[in-house]
Amino acid sequence: MTGATPWGEMMRAAMRMGIAPEAFWRLSLKEWRMLTEAPRGTAPMGRAGLAKLMEDWPDGG
């Protein structure tokens, strides 16, 4: 790990998320990362995926 921990930046991000200072300081590093990292996994379905889904499963109405 390089450099100092950006506590000010982290606290401002927590405040933007509505996390009170007392709650921020009770968070573990693992919890903080869960709150701030981008989710991993598959990307949301795009137009092509939706079109294929609609083709495979027509409404029949």
N, C-alpha and C. Protein backbone atom coordinates (compact mmCIF):
# COMPACT_ATOMS: atom_id res chain seq x y z
N MET A 1 0.85 -1.17 0.00
CA MET A 1 0.00 0.00 0.00
C MET A 1 0.90 1.24 0.00
N THR A 2 0.58 2.20 -0.83
CA THR A 2 1.41 3.38 -0.92
C THR A 2 0.63 4.61 -0.48
N GLY A 3 1.33 5.55 0.14
CA GLY A 3 0.71 6.80 0.52
C GLY A 3 -0.18 6.68 1.75
N ALA A 4 -0.66 7.83 2.16
CA ALA A 4 -1.52 7.89 3.34
C ALA A 4 -2.96 7.54 2.97
N THR A 5 -3.69 7.06 3.94
CA THR A 5 -5.11 6.75 3.74
C THR A 5 -5.86 8.06 3.56
N PRO A 6 -6.66 8.19 2.51
CA PRO A 6 -7.38 9.45 2.23
C PRO A 6 -8.65 9.60 3.10
N TRP A 7 -8.46 9.76 4.42
CA TRP A 7 -9.60 9.79 5.33
C TRP A 7 -10.60 10.88 4.97
N GLY A 8 -10.13 12.05 4.60
CA GLY A 8 -11.04 13.15 4.26
C GLY A 8 -11.92 12.81 3.07
N GLU A 9 -11.30 12.26 2.04
CA GLU A 9 -12.03 11.86 0.84
C GLU A 9 -13.05 10.76 1.17
N MET A 10 -12.61 9.81 1.99
CA MET A 10 -13.50 8.72 2.37
C MET A 10 -14.68 9.23 3.20
N MET A 11 -14.42 10.16 4.11
CA MET A 11 -15.48 10.72 4.96
C MET A 11 -16.47 11.51 4.11
N ARG A 12 -15.97 12.29 3.15
CA ARG A 12 -16.88 13.05 2.27
C ARG A 12 -17.74 12.10 1.44
N ALA A 13 -17.16 11.02 0.95
CA ALA A 13 -17.94 10.03 0.18
C ALA A 13 -19.01 9.41 1.07
N ALA A 14 -18.66 9.10 2.32
CA ALA A 14 -19.62 8.52 3.25
C ALA A 14 -20.77 9.50 3.50
N MET A 15 -20.46 10.76 3.65
CA MET A 15 -21.50 11.76 3.89
C MET A 15 -22.43 11.87 2.68
N ARG A 16 -21.87 11.79 1.47
CA ARG A 16 -22.70 11.83 0.25
C ARG A 16 -23.63 10.63 0.18
N MET A 17 -23.18 9.49 0.76
CA MET A 17 -24.01 8.28 0.78
C MET A 17 -25.00 8.29 1.94
N GLY A 18 -24.93 9.33 2.77
CA GLY A 18 -25.85 9.41 3.90
C GLY A 18 -25.38 8.65 5.13
N ILE A 19 -24.10 8.32 5.19
CA ILE A 19 -23.56 7.59 6.32
C ILE A 19 -23.06 8.60 7.35
N ALA A 20 -23.61 8.55 8.55
CA ALA A 20 -23.21 9.46 9.62
C ALA A 20 -21.78 9.17 10.05
N PRO A 21 -21.06 10.18 10.58
CA PRO A 21 -19.68 9.96 11.00
C PRO A 21 -19.52 8.79 11.98
N GLU A 22 -20.44 8.67 12.93
CA GLU A 22 -20.34 7.57 13.91
C GLU A 22 -20.41 6.21 13.21
N ALA A 23 -21.30 6.10 12.23
CA ALA A 23 -21.44 4.85 11.48
C ALA A 23 -20.22 4.61 10.59
N PHE A 24 -19.68 5.68 10.01
CA PHE A 24 -18.49 5.55 9.16
C PHE A 24 -17.35 4.94 9.95
N TRP A 25 -17.11 5.42 11.16
CA TRP A 25 -15.97 4.93 11.95
C TRP A 25 -16.20 3.53 12.47
N ARG A 26 -17.43 3.04 12.47
CA ARG A 26 -17.70 1.66 12.89
C ARG A 26 -17.54 0.66 11.74
N LEU A 27 -17.49 1.14 10.50
CA LEU A 27 -17.35 0.25 9.35
C LEU A 27 -15.99 -0.43 9.34
N SER A 28 -15.98 -1.70 8.97
CA SER A 28 -14.70 -2.38 8.73
C SER A 28 -14.24 -2.00 7.33
N LEU A 29 -12.98 -2.23 7.04
CA LEU A 29 -12.46 -1.95 5.70
C LEU A 29 -13.20 -2.78 4.66
N LYS A 30 -13.53 -4.02 5.00
CA LYS A 30 -14.27 -4.88 4.08
C LYS A 30 -15.65 -4.29 3.78
N GLU A 31 -16.33 -3.79 4.81
CA GLU A 31 -17.65 -3.18 4.60
C GLU A 31 -17.53 -1.92 3.75
N TRP A 32 -16.50 -1.12 4.00
CA TRP A 32 -16.30 0.10 3.22
C TRP A 32 -16.10 -0.23 1.74
N ARG A 33 -15.28 -1.24 1.50
CA ARG A 33 -15.03 -1.64 0.10
C ARG A 33 -16.31 -2.13 -0.56
N MET A 34 -17.14 -2.88 0.17
CA MET A 34 -18.41 -3.35 -0.39
C MET A 34 -19.30 -2.17 -0.78
N LEU A 35 -19.28 -1.12 0.01
CA LEU A 35 -20.11 0.05 -0.26
C LEU A 35 -19.60 0.89 -1.42
N THR A 36 -18.30 0.89 -1.64
CA THR A 36 -17.73 1.84 -2.60
C THR A 36 -17.19 1.24 -3.89
N GLU A 37 -16.91 -0.04 -3.92
CA GLU A 37 -16.37 -0.63 -5.15
C GLU A 37 -17.50 -0.94 -6.13
N ALA A 38 -17.17 -0.88 -7.39
CA ALA A 38 -18.13 -1.25 -8.43
C ALA A 38 -18.45 -2.73 -8.32
N PRO A 39 -19.70 -3.09 -8.53
CA PRO A 39 -20.04 -4.51 -8.43
C PRO A 39 -19.32 -5.34 -9.49
N ARG A 40 -18.96 -6.53 -9.10
CA ARG A 40 -18.30 -7.45 -10.04
C ARG A 40 -19.34 -8.38 -10.63
N GLY A 41 -19.05 -8.93 -11.76
CA GLY A 41 -19.97 -9.87 -12.37
C GLY A 41 -20.37 -9.42 -13.76
N THR A 42 -21.51 -9.89 -14.15
CA THR A 42 -21.97 -9.60 -15.50
C THR A 42 -22.51 -8.18 -15.61
N ALA A 43 -22.33 -7.66 -16.79
CA ALA A 43 -22.84 -6.32 -17.09
C ALA A 43 -24.36 -6.39 -17.30
N PRO A 44 -25.04 -5.28 -17.15
CA PRO A 44 -26.48 -5.28 -17.41
C PRO A 44 -26.77 -5.69 -18.85
N MET A 45 -27.96 -6.22 -19.07
CA MET A 45 -28.36 -6.66 -20.41
C MET A 45 -28.47 -5.45 -21.34
N GLY A 46 -27.92 -5.59 -22.53
CA GLY A 46 -28.01 -4.53 -23.53
C GLY A 46 -29.21 -4.75 -24.45
N ARG A 47 -29.34 -3.89 -25.43
CA ARG A 47 -30.46 -3.97 -26.38
C ARG A 47 -30.49 -5.29 -27.13
N ALA A 48 -29.32 -5.75 -27.55
CA ALA A 48 -29.26 -7.00 -28.32
C ALA A 48 -29.74 -8.17 -27.46
N GLY A 49 -29.34 -8.19 -26.20
CA GLY A 49 -29.79 -9.25 -25.30
C GLY A 49 -31.28 -9.21 -25.07
N LEU A 50 -31.83 -8.00 -24.92
CA LEU A 50 -33.27 -7.86 -24.75
C LEU A 50 -34.01 -8.30 -26.00
N ALA A 51 -33.52 -7.91 -27.17
CA ALA A 51 -34.16 -8.32 -28.42
C ALA A 51 -34.17 -9.85 -28.55
N LYS A 52 -33.06 -10.48 -28.21
CA LYS A 52 -32.97 -11.94 -28.28
C LYS A 52 -33.94 -12.58 -27.29
N LEU A 53 -34.03 -12.04 -26.10
CA LEU A 53 -34.95 -12.55 -25.09
C LEU A 53 -36.40 -12.42 -25.56
N MET A 54 -36.73 -11.28 -26.16
CA MET A 54 -38.09 -11.07 -26.67
C MET A 54 -38.39 -12.01 -27.83
N GLU A 55 -37.40 -12.29 -28.65
CA GLU A 55 -37.57 -13.21 -29.76
C GLU A 55 -37.78 -14.64 -29.25
N ASP A 56 -37.00 -15.03 -28.26
CA ASP A 56 -37.10 -16.38 -27.70
C ASP A 56 -38.37 -16.58 -26.89
N TRP A 57 -38.87 -15.56 -26.27
CA TRP A 57 -40.03 -15.65 -25.40
C TRP A 57 -41.08 -14.61 -25.78
N PRO A 58 -41.74 -14.79 -26.93
CA PRO A 58 -42.72 -13.79 -27.38
C PRO A 58 -43.90 -13.74 -26.40
N ASP A 59 -44.52 -12.60 -26.36
CA ASP A 59 -45.62 -12.35 -25.46
C ASP A 59 -46.87 -13.16 -25.86
N GLY A 60 -47.07 -13.34 -27.12
CA GLY A 60 -48.20 -14.13 -27.60
C GLY A 60 -49.53 -13.41 -27.47
N GLY A 61 -49.47 -12.13 -27.09
CA GLY A 61 -50.70 -11.38 -26.86
C GLY A 61 -51.22 -10.81 -28.11
